[in-house]
PDB file of N, CA and C in Angstrom:
ATOM      1  N   MET A   1      69.753 111.165  85.036  1.00  0.00           N
ATOM      2  CA  MET A   1      71.198 111.815  86.107  1.00  0.00           C
ATOM      3  C   MET A   1      70.772 113.074  85.544  1.00  0.00           C
ATOM      4  N   PRO A   2      71.525 113.885  85.901  1.00  0.00           N
ATOM      5  CA  PRO A   2      72.153 115.472  86.075  1.00  0.00           C
ATOM      6  C   PRO A   2      73.639 114.895  85.527  1.00  0.00           C
ATOM      7  N   SER A   3      73.279 116.225  84.473  1.00  0.00           N
ATOM      8  CA  SER A   3      75.239 116.059  83.918  1.00  0.00           C
ATOM      9  C   SER A   3      76.401 116.321  84.958  1.00  0.00           C
ATOM     10  N   ARG A   4      77.362 116.703  84.140  1.00  0.00           N
ATOM     11  CA  ARG A   4      78.728 116.508  85.371  1.00  0.00           C
ATOM     12  C   ARG A   4      78.086 118.396  85.590  1.00  0.00           C
ATOM     13  N   GLU A   5      78.463 119.432  84.546  1.00  0.00           N
ATOM     14  CA  GLU A   5      77.892 120.176  84.523  1.00  0.00           C
ATOM     15  C   GLU A   5      77.082 121.163  85.139  1.00  0.00           C
ATOM     16  N   GLU A   6      75.759 120.498  85.854  1.00  0.00           N
ATOM     17  CA  GLU A   6      75.007 120.944  86.298  1.00  0.00           C
ATOM     18  C   GLU A   6      75.019 120.548  87.686  1.00  0.00           C
ATOM     19  N   ILE A   7      75.336 119.461  87.882  1.00  0.00           N
ATOM     20  CA  ILE A   7      76.445 118.991  88.967  1.00  0.00           C
ATOM     21  C   ILE A   7      77.571 119.630  89.848  1.00  0.00           C
ATOM     22  N   PHE A   8      78.650 119.940  88.744  1.00  0.00           N
ATOM     23  CA  PHE A   8      79.651 121.593  89.244  1.00  0.00           C
ATOM     24  C   PHE A   8      78.834 122.369  89.796  1.00  0.00           C
ATOM     25  N   ASP A   9      77.625 123.218  89.664  1.00  0.00           N
ATOM     26  CA  ASP A   9      76.585 124.011  89.407  1.00  0.00           C
ATOM     27  C   ASP A   9      76.703 123.410  90.489  1.00  0.00           C
ATOM     28  N   LYS A  10      75.740 122.747  90.991  1.00  0.00           N
ATOM     29  CA  LYS A  10      74.962 122.941  92.552  1.00  0.00           C
ATOM     30  C   LYS A  10      76.428 123.105  93.540  1.00  0.00           C
ATOM     31  N   VAL A  11      77.206 121.592  93.527  1.00  0.00           N
ATOM     32  CA  VAL A  11      78.576 121.716  94.656  1.00  0.00           C
ATOM     33  C   VAL A  11      79.115 123.129  94.584  1.00  0.00           C
ATOM     34  N   LYS A  12      80.017 123.661  93.192  1.00  0.00           N
ATOM     35  CA  LYS A  12      80.080 124.852  93.836  1.00  0.00           C
ATOM     36  C   LYS A  12      79.289 126.284  95.019  1.00  0.00           C
ATOM     37  N   SER A  13      77.912 126.076  94.092  1.00  0.00           N
ATOM     38  CA  SER A  13      76.497 126.175  94.647  1.00  0.00           C
ATOM     39  C   SER A  13      76.616 126.144  97.036  1.00  0.00           C
ATOM     40  N   ALA A  14      77.045 124.999  97.008  1.00  0.00           N
ATOM     41  CA  ALA A  14      77.004 124.420  98.050  1.00  0.00           C
ATOM     42  C   ALA A  14      78.769 125.078  98.899  1.00  0.00           C
ATOM     43  N   LEU A  15      79.350 124.919  97.771  1.00  0.00           N
ATOM     44  CA  LEU A  15      80.852 126.001  98.357  1.00  0.00           C
ATOM     45  C   LEU A  15      81.109 126.830  99.001  1.00  0.00           C
ATOM     46  N   VAL A  16      79.989 127.779  97.619  1.00  0.00           N
ATOM     47  CA  VAL A  16      79.710 129.060  97.857  1.00  0.00           C
ATOM     48  C   VAL A  16      79.246 129.320  99.336  1.00  0.00           C
ATOM     49  N   ASP A  17      78.308 128.783  99.358  1.00  0.00           N
ATOM     50  CA  ASP A  17      77.326 129.393 100.208  1.00  0.00           C
ATOM     51  C   ASP A  17      77.868 128.632 101.998  1.00  0.00           C
ATOM     52  N   ALA A  18      78.692 127.222 101.663  1.00  0.00           N
ATOM     53  CA  ALA A  18      79.149 126.750 103.453  1.00  0.00           C
ATOM     54  C   ALA A  18      80.241 127.400 103.219  1.00  0.00           C
ATOM     55  N   LEU A  19      81.725 128.247 102.452  1.00  0.00           N
ATOM     56  CA  LEU A  19      82.396 128.468 102.735  1.00  0.00           C
ATOM     57  C   LEU A  19      82.924 129.531 102.407  1.00  0.00           C
ATOM     58  N   GLY A  20      81.496 130.603 102.266  1.00  0.00           N
ATOM     59  CA  GLY A  20      81.238 131.948 102.111  1.00  0.00           C
ATOM     60  C   GLY A  20      83.399 132.627 100.597  1.00  0.00           C
ATOM     61  N   VAL A  21      82.875 131.767  99.613  1.00  0.00           N
ATOM     62  CA  VAL A  21      83.884 132.764  99.182  1.00  0.00           C
ATOM     63  C   VAL A  21      82.869 132.824  98.053  1.00  0.00           C
ATOM     64  N   ASP A  22      84.070 133.557  96.880  1.00  0.00           N
ATOM     65  CA  ASP A  22      83.426 134.178  95.241  1.00  0.00           C
ATOM     66  C   ASP A  22      83.043 132.799  94.414  1.00  0.00           C
ATOM     67  N   GLU A  23      82.112 132.811  94.028  1.00  0.00           N
ATOM     68  CA  GLU A  23      82.407 131.863  92.953  1.00  0.00           C
ATOM     69  C   GLU A  23      83.008 131.465  91.986  1.00  0.00           C
ATOM     70  N   ASP A  24      83.612 132.502  91.604  1.00  0.00           N
ATOM     71  CA  ASP A  24      85.200 132.785  90.474  1.00  0.00           C
ATOM     72  C   ASP A  24      86.769 131.886  91.147  1.00  0.00           C
ATOM     73  N   ASP A  25      85.963 131.525  92.556  1.00  0.00           N
ATOM     74  CA  ASP A  25      87.210 130.573  93.261  1.00  0.00           C
ATOM     75  C   ASP A  25      86.733 129.653  93.148  1.00  0.00           C
ATOM     76  N   VAL A  26      85.871 128.244  92.831  1.00  0.00           N
ATOM     77  CA  VAL A  26      85.584 127.590  93.256  1.00  0.00           C
ATOM     78  C   VAL A  26      85.194 127.193  92.066  1.00  0.00           C
ATOM     79  N   THR A  27      86.384 126.269  90.854  1.00  0.00           N
ATOM     80  CA  THR A  27      86.787 125.656  90.387  1.00  0.00           C
ATOM     81  C   THR A  27      87.344 124.523  89.792  1.00  0.00           C
ATOM     82  N   PRO A  28      87.331 124.115  89.443  1.00  0.00           N
ATOM     83  CA  PRO A  28      87.181 122.722  89.095  1.00  0.00           C
ATOM     84  C   PRO A  28      89.732 122.025  90.209  1.00  0.00           C
ATOM     85  N   GLY A  29      89.769 122.628  89.655  1.00  0.00           N
ATOM     86  CA  GLY A  29      90.946 122.422  90.398  1.00  0.00           C
ATOM     87  C   GLY A  29      91.527 122.814  91.342  1.00  0.00           C
ATOM     88  N   ALA A  30      90.482 123.465  91.825  1.00  0.00           N
ATOM     89  CA  ALA A  30      90.758 124.248  93.351  1.00  0.00           C
ATOM     90  C   ALA A  30      91.413 123.208  95.053  1.00  0.00           C
ATOM     91  N   THR A  31      91.554 123.225  95.778  1.00  0.00           N
ATOM     92  CA  THR A  31      91.721 122.768  96.552  1.00  0.00           C
ATOM     93  C   THR A  31      90.772 123.165  98.167  1.00  0.00           C
ATOM     94  N   MET A  32      90.057 122.052  98.125  1.00  0.00           N
ATOM     95  CA  MET A  32      89.297 122.462  99.033  1.00  0.00           C
ATOM     96  C   MET A  32      89.204 123.453 100.857  1.00  0.00           C
ATOM     97  N   VAL A  33      91.028 123.050 100.675  1.00  0.00           N
ATOM     98  CA  VAL A  33      91.439 124.032 101.957  1.00  0.00           C
ATOM     99  C   VAL A  33      92.309 124.113 101.377  1.00  0.00           C
ATOM    100  N   GLY A  34      93.259 124.157 100.888  1.00  0.00           N
ATOM    101  CA  GLY A  34      94.244 125.554 100.183  1.00  0.00           C
ATOM    102  C   GLY A  34      94.030 126.643  99.534  1.00  0.00           C
ATOM    103  N   ASP A  35      92.840 126.524  98.349  1.00  0.00           N
ATOM    104  CA  ASP A  35      92.315 127.492  98.195  1.00  0.00           C
ATOM    105  C   ASP A  35      91.441 127.959  98.231  1.00  0.00           C
ATOM    106  N   LEU A  36      90.693 127.146  98.325  1.00  0.00           N
ATOM    107  CA  LEU A  36      89.011 127.716  99.477  1.00  0.00           C
ATOM    108  C   LEU A  36      89.665 127.931 100.867  1.00  0.00           C
ATOM    109  N   GLY A  37      90.052 127.963 101.478  1.00  0.00           N
ATOM    110  CA  GLY A  37      89.634 128.197 103.244  1.00  0.00           C
ATOM    111  C   GLY A  37      89.057 127.180 104.050  1.00  0.00           C
ATOM    112  N   ALA A  38      88.452 125.710 103.802  1.00  0.00           N
ATOM    113  CA  ALA A  38      88.003 125.045 104.191  1.00  0.00           C
ATOM    114  C   ALA A  38      88.860 124.470 105.494  1.00  0.00           C
ATOM    115  N   GLU A  39      87.639 124.615 106.719  1.00  0.00           N
ATOM    116  CA  GLU A  39      87.953 124.103 107.652  1.00  0.00           C
ATOM    117  C   GLU A  39      87.518 123.122 108.029  1.00  0.00           C
ATOM    118  N   SER A  40      87.974 121.549 108.822  1.00  0.00           N
ATOM    119  CA  SER A  40      87.781 120.886 109.649  1.00  0.00           C
ATOM    120  C   SER A  40      85.886 121.121 110.271  1.00  0.00           C
ATOM    121  N   ILE A  41      85.358 121.877 110.358  1.00  0.00           N
ATOM    122  CA  ILE A  41      84.570 121.945 111.096  1.00  0.00           C
ATOM    123  C   ILE A  41      82.914 122.804 108.835  1.00  0.00           C
ATOM    124  N   ASP A  42      83.811 122.817 108.551  1.00  0.00           N
ATOM    125  CA  ASP A  42      83.286 123.248 107.907  1.00  0.00           C
ATOM    126  C   ASP A  42      82.731 122.047 106.337  1.00  0.00           C
ATOM    127  N   PHE A  43      83.697 120.791 106.283  1.00  0.00           N
ATOM    128  CA  PHE A  43      82.499 119.307 105.880  1.00  0.00           C
ATOM    129  C   PHE A  43      82.064 119.245 106.643  1.00  0.00           C
ATOM    130  N   LEU A  44      81.719 119.909 107.701  1.00  0.00           N
ATOM    131  CA  LEU A  44      80.766 118.931 108.027  1.00  0.00           C
ATOM    132  C   LEU A  44      79.289 120.195 107.061  1.00  0.00           C
ATOM    133  N   ASP A  45      78.641 121.619 107.212  1.00  0.00           N
ATOM    134  CA  ASP A  45      78.289 121.525 106.685  1.00  0.00           C
ATOM    135  C   ASP A  45      78.353 121.720 105.002  1.00  0.00           C
ATOM    136  N   ILE A  46      79.265 121.034 103.989  1.00  0.00           N
ATOM    137  CA  ILE A  46      79.146 121.045 102.565  1.00  0.00           C
ATOM    138  C   ILE A  46      78.698 119.310 103.114  1.00  0.00           C
ATOM    139  N   VAL A  47      78.927 118.898 102.803  1.00  0.00           N
ATOM    140  CA  VAL A  47      78.261 117.075 103.430  1.00  0.00           C
ATOM    141  C   VAL A  47      77.328 117.554 104.114  1.00  0.00           C
ATOM    142  N   PHE A  48      76.484 118.382 104.464  1.00  0.00           N
ATOM    143  CA  PHE A  48      75.293 118.482 104.574  1.00  0.00           C
ATOM    144  C   PHE A  48      74.120 119.415 103.632  1.00  0.00           C
ATOM    145  N   ARG A  49      74.617 119.973 102.742  1.00  0.00           N
ATOM    146  CA  ARG A  49      74.484 120.695 102.083  1.00  0.00           C
ATOM    147  C   ARG A  49      74.325 120.285 100.710  1.00  0.00           C
ATOM    148  N   LEU A  50      75.267 119.122 100.172  1.00  0.00           N
ATOM    149  CA  LEU A  50      75.407 118.518  98.825  1.00  0.00           C
ATOM    150  C   LEU A  50      74.092 117.282  98.946  1.00  0.00           C
ATOM    151  N   GLU A  51      74.420 116.630 100.258  1.00  0.00           N
ATOM    152  CA  GLU A  51      73.047 115.703 100.680  1.00  0.00           C
ATOM    153  C   GLU A  51      71.255 116.361 100.171  1.00  0.00           C
ATOM    154  N   LYS A  52      71.449 117.473 100.659  1.00  0.00           N
ATOM    155  CA  LYS A  52      69.782 118.263 100.308  1.00  0.00           C
ATOM    156  C   LYS A  52      70.164 118.467  99.004  1.00  0.00           C
ATOM    157  N   ALA A  53      71.580 119.202  97.664  1.00  0.00           N
ATOM    158  CA  ALA A  53      71.314 119.344  97.609  1.00  0.00           C
ATOM    159  C   ALA A  53      70.926 118.446  96.397  1.00  0.00           C
ATOM    160  N   PHE A  54      71.429 117.419  96.134  1.00  0.00           N
ATOM    161  CA  PHE A  54      71.240 116.233  95.432  1.00  0.00           C
ATOM    162  C   PHE A  54      70.444 114.294  96.074  1.00  0.00           C
ATOM    163  N   ASN A  55      69.894 115.221  97.308  1.00  0.00           N
ATOM    164  CA  ASN A  55      69.191 114.458  97.264  1.00  0.00           C
ATOM    165  C   ASN A  55      69.555 113.279  97.652  1.00  0.00           C
ATOM    166  N   ILE A  56      71.320 113.075  98.464  1.00  0.00           N
ATOM    167  CA  ILE A  56      71.758 111.454  98.204  1.00  0.00           C
ATOM    168  C   ILE A  56      72.332 111.767 100.373  1.00  0.00           C
ATOM    169  N   LYS A  57      72.498 110.436 100.563  1.00  0.00           N
ATOM    170  CA  LYS A  57      73.410 109.873 102.271  1.00  0.00           C
ATOM    171  C   LYS A  57      74.372 110.076 102.007  1.00  0.00           C
ATOM    172  N   ILE A  58      75.632 110.914 103.010  1.00  0.00           N
ATOM    173  CA  ILE A  58      76.580 110.375 103.214  1.00  0.00           C
ATOM    174  C   ILE A  58      77.339 110.596 104.404  1.00  0.00           C
ATOM    175  N   SER A  59      77.335 108.957 104.454  1.00  0.00           N
ATOM    176  CA  SER A  59      78.061 108.178 105.921  1.00  0.00           C
ATOM    177  C   SER A  59      79.156 109.030 106.487  1.00  0.00           C
ATOM    178  N   ARG A  60      79.540 109.431 107.578  1.00  0.00           N
ATOM    179  CA  ARG A  60      80.135 109.740 108.001  1.00  0.00           C
ATOM    180  C   ARG A  60      81.785 108.950 107.383  1.00  0.00           C
ATOM    181  N   GLY A  61      82.676 109.874 107.115  1.00  0.00           N
ATOM    182  CA  GLY A  61      83.997 109.300 107.261  1.00  0.00           C
ATOM    183  C   GLY A  61      83.734 108.698 105.432  1.00  0.00           C
ATOM    184  N   GLU A  62      82.608 108.748 104.701  1.00  0.00           N
ATOM    185  CA  GLU A  62      82.919 108.597 103.031  1.00  0.00           C
ATOM    186  C   GLU A  62      83.346 109.577 102.476  1.00  0.00           C
ATOM    187  N   LEU A  63      83.266 111.027 102.341  1.00  0.00           N
ATOM    188  CA  LEU A  63      83.845 112.238 102.495  1.00  0.00           C
ATOM    189  C   LEU A  63      85.084 112.245 102.383  1.00  0.00           C
ATOM    190  N   PHE A  64      85.443 112.150 102.981  1.00  0.00           N
ATOM    191  CA  PHE A  64      86.850 112.470 104.369  1.00  0.00           C
ATOM    192  C   PHE A  64      86.840 111.359 105.149  1.00  0.00           C
ATOM    193  N   PRO A  65      87.371 111.115 105.020  1.00  0.00           N
ATOM    194  CA  PRO A  65      87.916 109.857 106.130  1.00  0.00           C
ATOM    195  C   PRO A  65      89.471 109.736 106.749  1.00  0.00           C
ATOM    196  N   GLU A  66      89.076 110.689 107.585  1.00  0.00           N
ATOM    197  CA  GLU A  66      89.803 111.302 109.223  1.00  0.00           C
ATOM    198  C   GLU A  66      90.438 109.685 109.318  1.00  0.00           C
ATOM    199  N   ASP A  67      89.553 108.659 110.108  1.00  0.00           N
ATOM    200  CA  ASP A  67      90.084 107.742 110.491  1.00  0.00           C
ATOM    201  C   ASP A  67      91.233 106.499 110.138  1.00  0.00           C
ATOM    202  N   VAL A  68      92.000 107.222 108.510  1.00  0.00           N
ATOM    203  CA  VAL A  68      92.528 106.184 108.799  1.00  0.00           C
ATOM    204  C   VAL A  68      94.378 107.463 108.447  1.00  0.00           C
ATOM    205  N   LEU A  69      93.406 108.536 108.674  1.00  0.00           N
ATOM    206  CA  LEU A  69      94.630 109.344 108.499  1.00  0.00           C
ATOM    207  C   LEU A  69      95.517 109.243 109.977  1.00  0.00           C
ATOM    208  N   SER A  70      94.201 108.792 111.051  1.00  0.00           N
ATOM    209  CA  SER A  70      94.761 109.012 112.388  1.00  0.00           C
ATOM    210  C   SER A  70      95.616 108.029 113.228  1.00  0.00           C
ATOM    211  N   SER A  71      95.302 106.196 112.474  1.00  0.00           N
ATOM    212  CA  SER A  71      95.423 105.375 112.209  1.00  0.00           C
ATOM    213  C   SER A  71      96.037 104.258 112.484  1.00  0.00           C
ATOM    214  N   SER A  72      97.093 104.451 113.717  1.00  0.00           N
ATOM    215  CA  SER A  72      98.614 103.936 113.844  1.00  0.00           C
ATOM    216  C   SER A  72      99.137 102.523 112.641  1.00  0.00           C
ATOM    217  N   GLU A  73      98.042 102.245 112.594  1.00  0.00           N
ATOM    218  CA  GLU A  73      98.361 100.793 110.990  1.00  0.00           C
ATOM    219  C   GLU A  73      97.904 101.522 109.623  1.00  0.00           C
ATOM    220  N   PHE A  74      97.823 102.451 109.410  1.00  0.00           N
ATOM    221  CA  PHE A  74      98.013 103.691 108.080  1.00  0.00           C
ATOM    222  C   PHE A  74      98.926 104.890 109.065  1.00  0.00           C
ATOM    223  N   VAL A  75      99.098 104.766 109.337  1.00  0.00           N
ATOM    224  CA  VAL A  75     100.876 106.315 109.307  1.00  0.00           C
ATOM    225  C   VAL A  75     101.538 106.034 110.273  1.00  0.00           C
ATOM    226  N   ALA A  76     102.975 106.272 110.045  1.00  0.00           N
ATOM    227  CA  ALA A  76     103.940 106.087 110.522  1.00  0.00           C
ATOM    228  C   ALA A  76     105.144 107.823 109.893  1.00  0.00           C
ATOM    229  N   ASP A  77     105.513 107.465 111.718  1.00  0.00           N
ATOM    230  CA  ASP A  77     106.073 109.462 111.430  1.00  0.00           C
ATOM    231  C   ASP A  77     105.389 110.314 110.553  1.00  0.00           C
ATOM    232  N   GLY A  78     104.058 110.409 110.930  1.00  0.00           N
ATOM    233  CA  GLY A  78     103.868 111.447 109.915  1.00  0.00           C
ATOM    234  C   GLY A  78     103.640 111.266 108.887  1.00  0.00           C
ATOM    235  N   LYS A  79     103.436 110.438 108.415  1.00  0.00           N
ATOM    236  CA  LYS A  79     103.912 109.814 106.956  1.00  0.00           C
ATOM    237  C   LYS A  79     102.671 108.535 106.799  1.00  0.00           C
ATOM    238  N   VAL A  80     101.818 108.534 105.328  1.00  0.00           N
ATOM    239  CA  VAL A  80     100.860 107.685 105.530  1.00  0.00           C
ATOM    240  C   VAL A  80     101.848 106.691 104.634  1.00  0.00           C
ATOM    241  N   THR A  81     101.315 105.440 105.407  1.00  0.00           N
ATOM    242  CA  THR A  81     102.067 104.299 104.846  1.00  0.00           C
ATOM    243  C   THR A  81     101.668 103.692 103.505  1.00  0.00           C
ATOM    244  N   PRO A  82     102.145 102.941 102.568  1.00  0.00           N
ATOM    245  CA  PRO A  82     101.460 101.934 101.666  1.00  0.00           C
ATOM    246  C   PRO A  82     100.065 101.812 102.372  1.00  0.00           C
ATOM    247  N   ALA A  83     100.094 101.121 102.906  1.00  0.00           N
ATOM    248  CA  ALA A  83      98.689 100.782 103.361  1.00  0.00           C
ATOM    249  C   ALA A  83      97.910 101.633 103.196  1.00  0.00           C
ATOM    250  N   GLY A  84      97.789 102.237 103.927  1.00  0.00           N
ATOM    251  CA  GLY A  84      97.215 103.563 104.864  1.00  0.00           C
ATOM    252  C   GLY A  84      97.074 104.321 103.393  1.00  0.00           C
ATOM    253  N   ILE A  85      97.890 104.951 102.002  1.00  0.00           N
ATOM    254  CA  ILE A  85      97.451 104.696 100.335  1.00  0.00           C
ATOM    255  C   ILE A  85      96.361 104.161 100.137  1.00  0.00           C
ATOM    256  N   ALA A  86      97.005 102.814  99.798  1.00  0.00           N
ATOM    257  CA  ALA A  86      96.007 101.753  99.536  1.00  0.00           C
ATOM    258  C   ALA A  86      94.572 101.512 100.079  1.00  0.00           C
ATOM    259  N   ALA A  87      94.346 102.105 101.600  1.00  0.00           N
ATOM    260  CA  ALA A  87      92.714 102.472 102.085  1.00  0.00           C
ATOM    261  C   ALA A  87      92.288 103.928 101.839  1.00  0.00           C
ATOM    262  N   LEU A  88      93.214 105.126 101.117  1.00  0.00           N
ATOM    263  CA  LEU A  88      92.266 105.971 101.439  1.00  0.00           C
ATOM    264  C   LEU A  88      92.101 105.746  99.885  1.00  0.00           C
ATOM    265  N   LYS A  89      92.884 104.791  98.486  1.00  0.00           N
ATOM    266  CA  LYS A  89      92.535 105.413  96.937  1.00  0.00           C
ATOM    267  C   LYS A  89      90.951 103.884  97.179  1.00  0.00           C
ATOM    268  N   ALA A  90      90.722 102.866  98.360  1.00  0.00           N
ATOM    269  CA  ALA A  90      89.890 101.572  98.656  1.00  0.00           C
ATOM    270  C   ALA A  90      88.399 102.903  98.634  1.00  0.00           C
ATOM    271  N   ARG A  91      88.558 104.188 100.434  1.00  0.00           N
ATOM    272  CA  ARG A  91      87.709 104.317 100.541  1.00  0.00           C
ATOM    273  C   ARG A  91      87.285 105.411  99.527  1.00  0.00           C
ATOM    274  N   MET A  92      88.580 106.242  98.621  1.00  0.00           N
ATOM    275  CA  MET A  92      88.067 107.363  97.893  1.00  0.00           C
ATOM    276  C   MET A  92      88.501 107.412  97.019  1.00  0.00           C
ATOM    277  N   PRO A  93      87.686 106.358  95.723  1.00  0.00           N
ATOM    278  CA  PRO A  93      88.206 106.235  94.515  1.00  0.00           C
ATOM    279  C   PRO A  93      86.901 107.518  92.564  1.00  0.00           C
ATOM    280  N   PHE A  94      87.255 109.030  93.558  1.00  0.00           N
ATOM    281  CA  PHE A  94      86.486 109.375  93.754  1.00  0.00           C
ATOM    282  C   PHE A  94      87.340 110.565  93.265  1.00  0.00           C
ATOM    283  N   ALA A  95      88.637 110.733  94.382  1.00  0.00           N
ATOM    284  CA  ALA A  95      89.891 111.069  94.080  1.00  0.00           C
ATOM    285  C   ALA A  95      91.089 111.077  93.116  1.00  0.00           C
ATOM    286  N   ASP A  96      92.061 111.786  92.818  1.00  0.00           N
ATOM    287  CA  ASP A  96      92.913 111.971  92.676  1.00  0.00           C
ATOM    288  C   ASP A  96      94.730 112.427  93.301  1.00  0.00           C
ATOM    289  N   LEU A  97      94.675 110.945  94.091  1.00  0.00           N
ATOM    290  CA  LEU A  97      95.649 111.140  95.177  1.00  0.00           C
ATOM    291  C   LEU A  97      97.096 111.139  94.512  1.00  0.00           C
ATOM    292  N   SER A  98      97.366 111.440  93.505  1.00  0.00           N
ATOM    293  CA  SER A  98      98.706 111.317  92.384  1.00  0.00           C
ATOM    294  C   SER A  98      99.487 112.020  93.367  1.00  0.00           C
ATOM    295  N   LYS A  99      99.388 113.360  93.429  1.00  0.00           N
ATOM    296  CA  LYS A  99     100.811 114.086  93.561  1.00  0.00           C
ATOM    297  C   LYS A  99      99.886 114.311  96.025  1.00  0.00           C
ATOM    298  N   PHE A 100      98.790 113.663  96.466  1.00  0.00           N
ATOM    299  CA  PHE A 100     100.183 112.715  97.392  1.00  0.00           C
ATOM    300  C   PHE A 100     100.578 112.179  97.406  1.00  0.00           C
ATOM    301  N   GLU A 101     100.768 111.295  97.024  1.00  0.00           N
ATOM    302  CA  GLU A 101     101.426 109.769  96.417  1.00  0.00           C
ATOM    303  C   GLU A 101     103.167 110.343  97.160  1.00  0.00           C
ATOM    304  N   SER A 102     103.061 111.509  95.866  1.00  0.00           N
ATOM    305  CA  SER A 102     104.627 111.904  96.149  1.00  0.00           C
ATOM    306  C   SER A 102     105.332 112.487  97.076  1.00  0.00           C
ATOM    307  N   ASN A 103     104.419 112.967  98.350  1.00  0.00           N
ATOM    308  CA  ASN A 103     104.947 113.253  99.550  1.00  0.00           C
ATOM    309  C   ASN A 103     103.498 112.788 100.396  1.00  0.00           C
ATOM    310  N   PRO A 104     103.820 112.251 101.062  1.00  0.00           N
ATOM    311  CA  PRO A 104     101.913 111.815 101.651  1.00  0.00           C
ATOM    312  C   PRO A 104     102.677 112.385 102.989  1.00  0.00           C
ATOM    313  N   SER A 105     103.272 113.317 103.051  1.00  0.00           N
ATOM    314  CA  SER A 105     102.606 114.014 104.888  1.00  0.00           C
ATOM    315  C   SER A 105     101.245 114.095 105.511  1.00  0.00           C
ATOM    316  N   VAL A 106     100.991 113.397 106.801  1.00  0.00           N
ATOM    317  CA  VAL A 106      99.192 113.843 106.441  1.00  0.00           C
ATOM    318  C   VAL A 106      98.862 114.975 106.950  1.00  0.00           C
ATOM    319  N   GLN A 107      99.821 115.576 106.529  1.00  0.00           N
ATOM    320  CA  GLN A 107      99.474 117.636 106.816  1.00  0.00           C
ATOM    321  C   GLN A 107      99.080 117.825 105.491  1.00  0.00           C
ATOM    322  N   ASN A 108      99.219 117.564 104.576  1.00  0.00           N
ATOM    323  CA  ASN A 108      99.285 117.424 103.315  1.00  0.00           C
ATOM    324  C   ASN A 108      98.344 117.406 102.448  1.00  0.00           C
ATOM    325  N   PHE A 109      97.522 115.890 102.933  1.00  0.00           N
ATOM    326  CA  PHE A 109      96.465 115.821 103.264  1.00  0.00           C
ATOM    327  C   PHE A 109      95.163 116.155 102.825  1.00  0.00           C
ATOM    328  N   ALA A 110      95.492 117.037 103.387  1.00  0.00           N
ATOM    329  CA  ALA A 110      94.274 118.727 103.815  1.00  0.00           C
ATOM    330  C   ALA A 110      94.078 119.360 102.189  1.00  0.00           C
ATOM    331  N   ASN A 111      95.560 119.570 101.607  1.00  0.00           N
ATOM    332  CA  ASN A 111      95.181 120.064  99.826  1.00  0.00           C
ATOM    333  C   ASN A 111      95.290 119.013  99.123  1.00  0.00           C
ATOM    334  N   THR A 112      94.939 118.152  99.105  1.00  0.00           N
ATOM    335  CA  THR A 112      94.524 116.506  98.385  1.00  0.00           C
ATOM    336  C   THR A 112      92.866 117.208  97.524  1.00  0.00           C
ATOM    337  N   LEU A 113      92.089 117.277  98.351  1.00  0.00           N
ATOM    338  CA  LEU A 113      90.689 117.131  97.810  1.00  0.00           C
ATOM    339  C   LEU A 113      90.425 118.294  96.930  1.00  0.00           C
ATOM    340  N   THR A 114      89.436 117.754  95.374  1.00  0.00           N
ATOM    341  CA  THR A 114      89.992 119.369  95.294  1.00  0.00           C
ATOM    342  C   THR A 114      88.190 119.061  94.953  1.00  0.00           C
ATOM    343  N   VAL A 115      87.650 121.076  93.785  1.00  0.00           N
ATOM    344  CA  VAL A 115      86.579 120.734  94.018  1.00  0.00           C
ATOM    345  C   VAL A 115      85.919 119.561  92.818  1.00  0.00           C
ATOM    346  N   GLU A 116      87.001 119.409  91.277  1.00  0.00           N
ATOM    347  CA  GLU A 116      87.062 117.947  90.779  1.00  0.00           C
ATOM    348  C   GLU A 116      86.386 116.722  91.133  1.00  0.00           C
ATOM    349  N   ASP A 117      86.809 117.179  93.307  1.00  0.00           N
ATOM    350  CA  ASP A 117      86.841 115.380  93.161  1.00  0.00           C
ATOM    351  C   ASP A 117      85.413 115.266  93.894  1.00  0.00           C
ATOM    352  N   MET A 118      85.018 116.912  94.533  1.00  0.00           N
ATOM    353  CA  MET A 118      83.241 116.284  95.417  1.00  0.00           C
ATOM    354  C   MET A 118      82.986 116.537  93.665  1.00  0.00           C
ATOM    355  N   VAL A 119      83.055 116.526  92.709  1.00  0.00           N
ATOM    356  CA  VAL A 119      81.707 116.711  91.530  1.00  0.00           C
ATOM    357  C   VAL A 119      81.497 114.773  91.579  1.00  0.00           C
ATOM    358  N   ARG A 120      82.835 114.268  91.298  1.00  0.00           N
ATOM    359  CA  ARG A 120      83.223 113.089  90.414  1.00  0.00           C
ATOM    360  C   ARG A 120      82.312 111.816  92.066  1.00  0.00           C
ATOM    361  N   TYR A 121      83.068 112.213  93.236  1.00  0.00           N
ATOM    362  CA  TYR A 121      82.238 112.356  94.778  1.00  0.00           C
ATOM    363  C   TYR A 121      80.650 111.660  94.514  1.00  0.00           C
ATOM    364  N   VAL A 122      79.740 113.135  94.185  1.00  0.00           N
ATOM    365  CA  VAL A 122      78.963 113.546  93.755  1.00  0.00           C
ATOM    366  C   VAL A 122      78.368 112.629  92.559  1.00  0.00           C
ATOM    367  N   GLN A 123      78.999 112.268  91.532  1.00  0.00           N
ATOM    368  CA  GLN A 123      79.025 111.731  89.910  1.00  0.00           C
ATOM    369  C   GLN A 123      78.330 110.052  90.760  1.00  0.00           C
ATOM    370  N   SER A 124      79.384 109.603  91.308  1.00  0.00           N
ATOM    371  CA  SER A 124      79.113 108.201  92.426  1.00  0.00           C
ATOM    372  C   SER A 124      78.463 108.226  92.666  1.00  0.00           C
ATOM    373  N   LYS A 125      78.089 109.145  93.809  1.00  0.00           N
ATOM    374  CA  LYS A 125      76.934 108.316  94.470  1.00  0.00           C
ATOM    375  C   LYS A 125      75.378 108.582  93.843  1.00  0.00           C
ATOM    376  N   LEU A 126      74.884 109.521  92.613  1.00  0.00           N
ATOM    377  CA  LEU A 126      73.853 109.400  92.011  1.00  0.00           C
ATOM    378  C   LEU A 126      73.867 107.788  90.733  1.00  0.00           C
ATOM    379  N   ALA A 127      75.314 108.230  90.976  1.00  0.00           N
ATOM    380  CA  ALA A 127      75.356 106.802  89.735  1.00  0.00           C
ATOM    381  C   ALA A 127      74.629 105.217  90.428  1.00  0.00           C
ATOM    382  N   ALA A 128      74.973 105.321  91.922  1.00  0.00           N
ATOM    383  CA  ALA A 128      75.020 103.903  92.195  1.00  0.00           C
ATOM    384  C   ALA A 128      73.987 103.550  92.860  1.00  0.00           C
TER     385      ALA A 128
END
C-alpha cells in the first residue's frame, strides 16, 4: 500500500489537473469548494481521476453523498438534522464533520470536505 505522502501527492495531482489550481494551493486543510473552487461538475472529473490514479472504483454518492443533503428525512429548514449528521458520519467516516456539526446548514456542507479528507478516503479504499 502506498504511503500517506504518496497518496497525498497523487490526490494533489488529480486536484491540480481537475480544478486548474496551483500546486501550492492544494494543502491538507484546503476545502474542496471554498479554497479550491470545486463545483459539482468538477467532482465527476475528480472521481474519474482518483479512480484512474489509484485503480479503485468509486460508486456514485460514495465520496459525496448528496442524496443525504437533499432528503426531507435528513434535512429540515435548510439544516441537516441529527439523523442526517449520523447518516453523513456513517457514509463518510473519512471526513471530519466536527466544524459542520456546529452549523449544519446544507449550504455550509460544501465547505466541509478537505484535501486531507480525500486522502483518508483513498487510504480507506486501498485498505479495503
